[in-house]
Amino acid sequence: MEKRLLQLEEQVAHLTRLTDDLSDIVARQERDLAVMARRMEMLMERAAEREVQEGGTVPLADQRPPHW
């Protein structure tokens, strides 16, 4: 009985560590995604500004498709 209890405690310790590690990974990925989303937003803004400066037209992202 004591041996089984020790095995279960070891298993819980390993699972706890695994959960903590995965939580850290998810938190880091969330930060990375937030940074990438902001960079993408900045790039889209720059592209829209450049499009307006070069052609003087409405940016393609704001135009209706031709079939409308």
N, C-alpha and C. Protein backbone atom coordinates (compact mmCIF):
# COMPACT_ATOMS: atom_id res chain seq x y z
N MET A 1 0.82 -1.20 0.00
CA MET A 1 0.00 0.00 0.00
C MET A 1 0.86 1.26 0.00
N GLU A 2 1.91 1.26 0.81
CA GLU A 2 2.79 2.42 0.89
C GLU A 2 3.51 2.67 -0.43
N LYS A 3 3.90 1.59 -1.10
CA LYS A 3 4.58 1.70 -2.39
C LYS A 3 3.65 2.33 -3.42
N ARG A 4 2.41 1.92 -3.41
CA ARG A 4 1.43 2.46 -4.35
C ARG A 4 1.19 3.95 -4.08
N LEU A 5 1.12 4.32 -2.82
CA LEU A 5 0.94 5.71 -2.45
C LEU A 5 2.12 6.56 -2.92
N LEU A 6 3.32 6.03 -2.77
CA LEU A 6 4.53 6.73 -3.23
C LEU A 6 4.50 6.92 -4.74
N GLN A 7 4.07 5.89 -5.47
CA GLN A 7 3.98 5.99 -6.93
C GLN A 7 2.97 7.08 -7.33
N LEU A 8 1.85 7.10 -6.64
CA LEU A 8 0.84 8.11 -6.95
C LEU A 8 1.34 9.52 -6.65
N GLU A 9 2.06 9.68 -5.55
CA GLU A 9 2.61 10.99 -5.22
C GLU A 9 3.63 11.44 -6.27
N GLU A 10 4.45 10.51 -6.73
CA GLU A 10 5.42 10.84 -7.78
C GLU A 10 4.71 11.24 -9.07
N GLN A 11 3.67 10.50 -9.38
CA GLN A 11 2.91 10.79 -10.60
C GLN A 11 2.27 12.19 -10.50
N VAL A 12 1.71 12.50 -9.37
CA VAL A 12 1.10 13.82 -9.17
C VAL A 12 2.16 14.91 -9.29
N ALA A 13 3.34 14.68 -8.73
CA ALA A 13 4.42 15.67 -8.81
C ALA A 13 4.83 15.89 -10.27
N HIS A 14 4.95 14.81 -11.03
CA HIS A 14 5.30 14.95 -12.45
C HIS A 14 4.21 15.69 -13.22
N LEU A 15 2.97 15.34 -12.96
CA LEU A 15 1.86 15.99 -13.66
C LEU A 15 1.76 17.47 -13.28
N THR A 16 2.04 17.78 -12.04
CA THR A 16 2.03 19.18 -11.61
C THR A 16 3.11 19.96 -12.33
N ARG A 17 4.29 19.38 -12.43
CA ARG A 17 5.38 20.06 -13.14
C ARG A 17 5.03 20.24 -14.61
N LEU A 18 4.47 19.20 -15.21
CA LEU A 18 4.08 19.27 -16.62
C LEU A 18 3.03 20.36 -16.83
N THR A 19 2.07 20.44 -15.94
CA THR A 19 1.04 21.47 -16.04
C THR A 19 1.64 22.86 -15.93
N ASP A 20 2.56 23.04 -15.00
CA ASP A 20 3.22 24.34 -14.85
C ASP A 20 4.03 24.70 -16.09
N ASP A 21 4.75 23.72 -16.64
CA ASP A 21 5.54 23.97 -17.85
C ASP A 21 4.63 24.35 -19.03
N LEU A 22 3.54 23.62 -19.19
CA LEU A 22 2.61 23.92 -20.28
C LEU A 22 1.95 25.29 -20.09
N SER A 23 1.66 25.63 -18.86
CA SER A 23 1.08 26.94 -18.58
C SER A 23 2.05 28.05 -18.98
N ASP A 24 3.32 27.87 -18.67
CA ASP A 24 4.34 28.85 -19.06
C ASP A 24 4.43 28.97 -20.58
N ILE A 25 4.37 27.84 -21.25
CA ILE A 25 4.44 27.85 -22.71
C ILE A 25 3.26 28.59 -23.31
N VAL A 26 2.07 28.33 -22.80
CA VAL A 26 0.87 28.99 -23.31
C VAL A 26 0.94 30.49 -23.05
N ALA A 27 1.41 30.88 -21.88
CA ALA A 27 1.54 32.31 -21.56
C ALA A 27 2.52 32.98 -22.51
N ARG A 28 3.65 32.32 -22.80
CA ARG A 28 4.63 32.90 -23.72
C ARG A 28 4.04 33.01 -25.12
N GLN A 29 3.30 32.00 -25.56
CA GLN A 29 2.69 32.04 -26.88
C GLN A 29 1.66 33.16 -26.97
N GLU A 30 0.94 33.39 -25.90
CA GLU A 30 -0.04 34.48 -25.88
C GLU A 30 0.65 35.83 -26.04
N ARG A 31 1.77 36.01 -25.35
CA ARG A 31 2.53 37.26 -25.50
C ARG A 31 3.07 37.39 -26.91
N ASP A 32 3.61 36.31 -27.46
CA ASP A 32 4.15 36.34 -28.82
C ASP A 32 3.06 36.69 -29.84
N LEU A 33 1.88 36.10 -29.67
CA LEU A 33 0.78 36.39 -30.59
C LEU A 33 0.35 37.84 -30.50
N ALA A 34 0.33 38.39 -29.31
CA ALA A 34 -0.05 39.79 -29.15
C ALA A 34 0.96 40.70 -29.86
N VAL A 35 2.24 40.39 -29.72
CA VAL A 35 3.28 41.18 -30.39
C VAL A 35 3.13 41.06 -31.91
N MET A 36 2.92 39.84 -32.40
CA MET A 36 2.78 39.64 -33.84
C MET A 36 1.53 40.32 -34.39
N ALA A 37 0.44 40.30 -33.63
CA ALA A 37 -0.78 40.96 -34.07
C ALA A 37 -0.56 42.47 -34.19
N ARG A 38 0.14 43.03 -33.22
CA ARG A 38 0.43 44.48 -33.27
C ARG A 38 1.33 44.81 -34.46
N ARG A 39 2.34 43.98 -34.69
CA ARG A 39 3.22 44.22 -35.85
C ARG A 39 2.45 44.12 -37.15
N MET A 40 1.55 43.14 -37.25
CA MET A 40 0.75 42.97 -38.46
C MET A 40 -0.12 44.20 -38.67
N GLU A 41 -0.71 44.70 -37.60
CA GLU A 41 -1.53 45.90 -37.68
C GLU A 41 -0.71 47.09 -38.18
N MET A 42 0.50 47.24 -37.65
CA MET A 42 1.37 48.33 -38.08
C MET A 42 1.73 48.19 -39.56
N LEU A 43 2.04 46.98 -40.00
CA LEU A 43 2.38 46.76 -41.40
C LEU A 43 1.20 47.07 -42.32
N MET A 44 0.02 46.68 -41.90
CA MET A 44 -1.17 46.96 -42.71
C MET A 44 -1.42 48.47 -42.81
N GLU A 45 -1.20 49.17 -41.70
CA GLU A 45 -1.37 50.63 -41.72
C GLU A 45 -0.35 51.27 -42.66
N ARG A 46 0.88 50.82 -42.59
CA ARG A 46 1.92 51.36 -43.48
C ARG A 46 1.59 51.09 -44.94
N ALA A 47 1.15 49.88 -45.23
CA ALA A 47 0.81 49.53 -46.61
C ALA A 47 -0.34 50.39 -47.11
N ALA A 48 -1.33 50.62 -46.26
CA ALA A 48 -2.47 51.46 -46.66
C ALA A 48 -2.02 52.89 -46.89
N GLU A 49 -1.16 53.41 -46.04
CA GLU A 49 -0.64 54.78 -46.22
C GLU A 49 0.15 54.89 -47.51
N ARG A 50 0.99 53.91 -47.79
CA ARG A 50 1.79 53.93 -49.01
C ARG A 50 0.89 53.85 -50.24
N GLU A 51 -0.15 53.05 -50.15
CA GLU A 51 -1.08 52.91 -51.26
C GLU A 51 -1.76 54.24 -51.57
N VAL A 52 -2.15 54.95 -50.53
CA VAL A 52 -2.80 56.25 -50.71
C VAL A 52 -1.80 57.25 -51.28
N GLN A 53 -0.58 57.25 -50.78
CA GLN A 53 0.44 58.20 -51.25
C GLN A 53 0.80 57.95 -52.70
N GLU A 54 0.90 56.71 -53.10
CA GLU A 54 1.32 56.40 -54.47
C GLU A 54 0.22 56.59 -55.48
N GLY A 55 -0.98 56.18 -55.14
CA GLY A 55 -2.05 56.23 -56.13
C GLY A 55 -3.12 57.26 -55.85
N GLY A 56 -3.19 57.71 -54.64
CA GLY A 56 -4.22 58.67 -54.29
C GLY A 56 -5.61 58.08 -54.29
N THR A 57 -5.70 56.77 -54.25
CA THR A 57 -7.01 56.11 -54.27
C THR A 57 -7.31 55.52 -52.90
N VAL A 58 -8.49 54.99 -52.81
CA VAL A 58 -8.89 54.31 -51.58
C VAL A 58 -8.10 53.00 -51.48
N PRO A 59 -7.56 52.67 -50.32
CA PRO A 59 -6.81 51.42 -50.20
C PRO A 59 -7.65 50.21 -50.61
N LEU A 60 -7.00 49.23 -51.21
CA LEU A 60 -7.72 48.05 -51.70
C LEU A 60 -8.53 47.38 -50.60
N ALA A 61 -8.04 47.39 -49.40
CA ALA A 61 -8.76 46.73 -48.30
C ALA A 61 -10.09 47.43 -48.03
N ASP A 62 -10.22 48.70 -48.41
CA ASP A 62 -11.45 49.45 -48.15
C ASP A 62 -12.37 49.51 -49.37
N GLN A 63 -11.93 48.97 -50.50
CA GLN A 63 -12.74 49.01 -51.72
C GLN A 63 -13.70 47.83 -51.77
N ARG A 64 -14.84 48.06 -52.38
CA ARG A 64 -15.78 46.95 -52.58
C ARG A 64 -15.29 46.10 -53.74
N PRO A 65 -15.54 44.80 -53.66
CA PRO A 65 -15.17 43.92 -54.79
C PRO A 65 -15.97 44.31 -56.04
N PRO A 66 -15.45 44.04 -57.23
CA PRO A 66 -16.12 44.46 -58.47
C PRO A 66 -17.49 43.82 -58.68
N HIS A 67 -17.74 42.68 -58.10
CA HIS A 67 -19.02 42.00 -58.32
C HIS A 67 -20.15 42.57 -57.46
N TRP A 68 -19.89 43.61 -56.65
CA TRP A 68 -20.94 44.22 -55.82
C TRP A 68 -21.58 45.28 -56.58
